[in-house]
Amino acid sequence: MAKEKGKHMSKWTQALAEQGIDCSNWKHKGFERVPADVWEDLLYEINKAGLHPADNFRAYRWKDGLHIAAYKKATANGCCGEAQWWTKSRSGDIWRIGCNYGH
């Protein structure tokens, strides 16, 4: 299995890397403290649901609302369809993740 910065990469992380997407460096204004594995989960869900094109990627941490204002703003500014999921980060925190999709 490929390694990234001394750690084993999941199959999904490796597949994203092959497409030129490095979630460890994937920053979105207003969401700078979202862990890479949460972004990976979001991209996985988008791909699984076939939501293309997708934009307004967002996430907030449930326990303390980290990034919730930016999350709400991104939701309100999105186009057409909206999708949301729950995920658990590797550190054990619950996150709400979402995007907008379509034209």
Protein backbone atom coordinates (compact mmCIF):
# COMPACT_ATOMS: atom_id res chain seq x y z
CA MET A 1 0.00 0.00 0.00
CA ALA A 2 1.25 3.52 -0.78
CA LYS A 3 2.42 5.71 2.05
CA GLU A 4 1.83 9.40 2.70
CA LYS A 5 4.07 11.22 5.16
CA GLY A 6 4.97 7.95 6.86
CA LYS A 7 1.37 6.75 7.27
CA HIS A 8 -0.54 4.09 5.39
CA MET A 9 -3.07 5.50 2.95
CA SER A 10 -6.57 4.06 2.75
CA LYS A 11 -7.70 2.75 -0.63
CA TRP A 12 -9.95 5.78 -0.94
CA THR A 13 -7.13 8.23 -0.09
CA GLN A 14 -4.95 6.49 -2.64
CA ALA A 15 -7.69 6.69 -5.31
CA LEU A 16 -8.10 10.42 -4.65
CA ALA A 17 -4.34 10.95 -4.81
CA GLU A 18 -4.26 9.23 -8.19
CA GLN A 19 -6.77 11.85 -9.37
CA GLY A 20 -4.58 14.65 -8.02
CA ILE A 21 -6.69 15.29 -4.89
CA ASP A 22 -4.72 15.51 -1.65
CA CYS A 23 -7.19 16.01 1.20
CA SER A 24 -4.38 16.68 3.66
CA ASN A 25 -3.81 19.97 1.81
CA TRP A 26 -7.43 20.55 0.82
CA LYS A 27 -8.48 23.80 2.49
CA HIS A 28 -11.71 25.69 1.98
CA LYS A 29 -12.21 29.22 3.25
CA GLY A 30 -14.08 29.10 6.53
CA PHE A 31 -13.33 25.40 7.04
CA GLU A 32 -9.60 25.47 7.75
CA ARG A 33 -9.78 23.18 10.80
CA VAL A 34 -11.68 20.33 9.14
CA PRO A 35 -9.49 17.19 9.21
CA ALA A 36 -8.44 15.60 5.91
CA ASP A 37 -10.26 12.35 6.70
CA VAL A 38 -13.56 14.27 7.01
CA TRP A 39 -13.04 15.78 3.53
CA GLU A 40 -12.23 12.29 2.25
CA ASP A 41 -15.52 11.02 3.67
CA LEU A 42 -17.39 13.87 1.99
CA LEU A 43 -15.83 13.11 -1.39
CA TYR A 44 -16.60 9.42 -0.90
CA GLU A 45 -20.29 10.16 -0.23
CA ILE A 46 -20.53 12.53 -3.20
CA ASN A 47 -19.00 9.92 -5.48
CA LYS A 48 -21.16 7.11 -4.07
CA ALA A 49 -24.32 9.16 -4.66
CA GLY A 50 -23.19 10.30 -8.13
CA LEU A 51 -23.67 13.97 -7.29
CA HIS A 52 -21.95 15.74 -10.14
CA PRO A 53 -21.19 18.55 -10.46
CA ALA A 54 -20.83 19.22 -6.74
CA ASP A 55 -19.68 22.37 -4.96
CA ASN A 56 -20.02 24.32 -1.70
CA PHE A 57 -18.24 21.55 0.22
CA ARG A 58 -18.78 22.04 3.93
CA ALA A 59 -18.40 20.44 7.34
CA TYR A 60 -18.94 21.31 10.99
CA ARG A 61 -18.07 19.49 14.18
CA TRP A 62 -21.17 18.42 16.11
CA LYS A 63 -19.86 18.63 19.70
CA ASP A 64 -19.01 22.33 19.63
CA GLY A 65 -20.33 23.70 16.33
CA LEU A 66 -16.84 24.37 14.92
CA HIS A 67 -17.43 25.93 11.46
CA ILE A 68 -21.25 25.91 11.80
CA ALA A 69 -21.61 29.56 10.68
CA ALA A 70 -19.58 28.86 7.53
CA TYR A 71 -21.58 25.65 7.02
CA LYS A 72 -24.89 27.51 7.12
CA LYS A 73 -23.56 30.22 4.79
CA ALA A 74 -22.33 27.63 2.28
CA THR A 75 -25.69 25.85 2.42
CA ALA A 76 -27.62 29.07 1.78
CA ASN A 77 -25.37 30.10 -1.12
CA GLY A 78 -25.56 26.77 -2.91
CA CYS A 79 -27.25 25.87 -6.14
CA CYS A 80 -29.99 23.40 -6.88
CA GLY A 81 -29.70 20.15 -4.92
CA GLU A 82 -28.38 19.79 -1.40
CA ALA A 83 -26.96 16.70 0.28
CA GLN A 84 -25.81 16.10 3.86
CA TRP A 85 -24.37 13.18 5.79
CA TRP A 86 -22.92 12.39 9.22
CA THR A 87 -19.41 11.02 9.58
CA LYS A 88 -17.00 10.17 12.37
CA SER A 89 -13.43 11.43 12.10
CA ARG A 90 -10.45 9.25 12.94
CA SER A 91 -10.11 11.22 16.19
CA GLY A 92 -13.66 10.17 17.14
CA ASP A 93 -15.50 13.46 16.56
CA ILE A 94 -18.87 13.48 14.81
CA TRP A 95 -19.07 15.84 11.79
CA ARG A 96 -21.94 17.00 9.59
CA ILE A 97 -20.75 17.11 6.00
CA GLY A 98 -22.50 18.37 2.91
CA CYS A 99 -22.47 19.86 -0.54
CA ASN A 100 -24.67 21.28 -3.25
CA TYR A 101 -24.95 19.62 -6.64
CA GLY A 102 -26.46 19.98 -10.08
CA HIS A 103 -26.99 22.99 -12.30
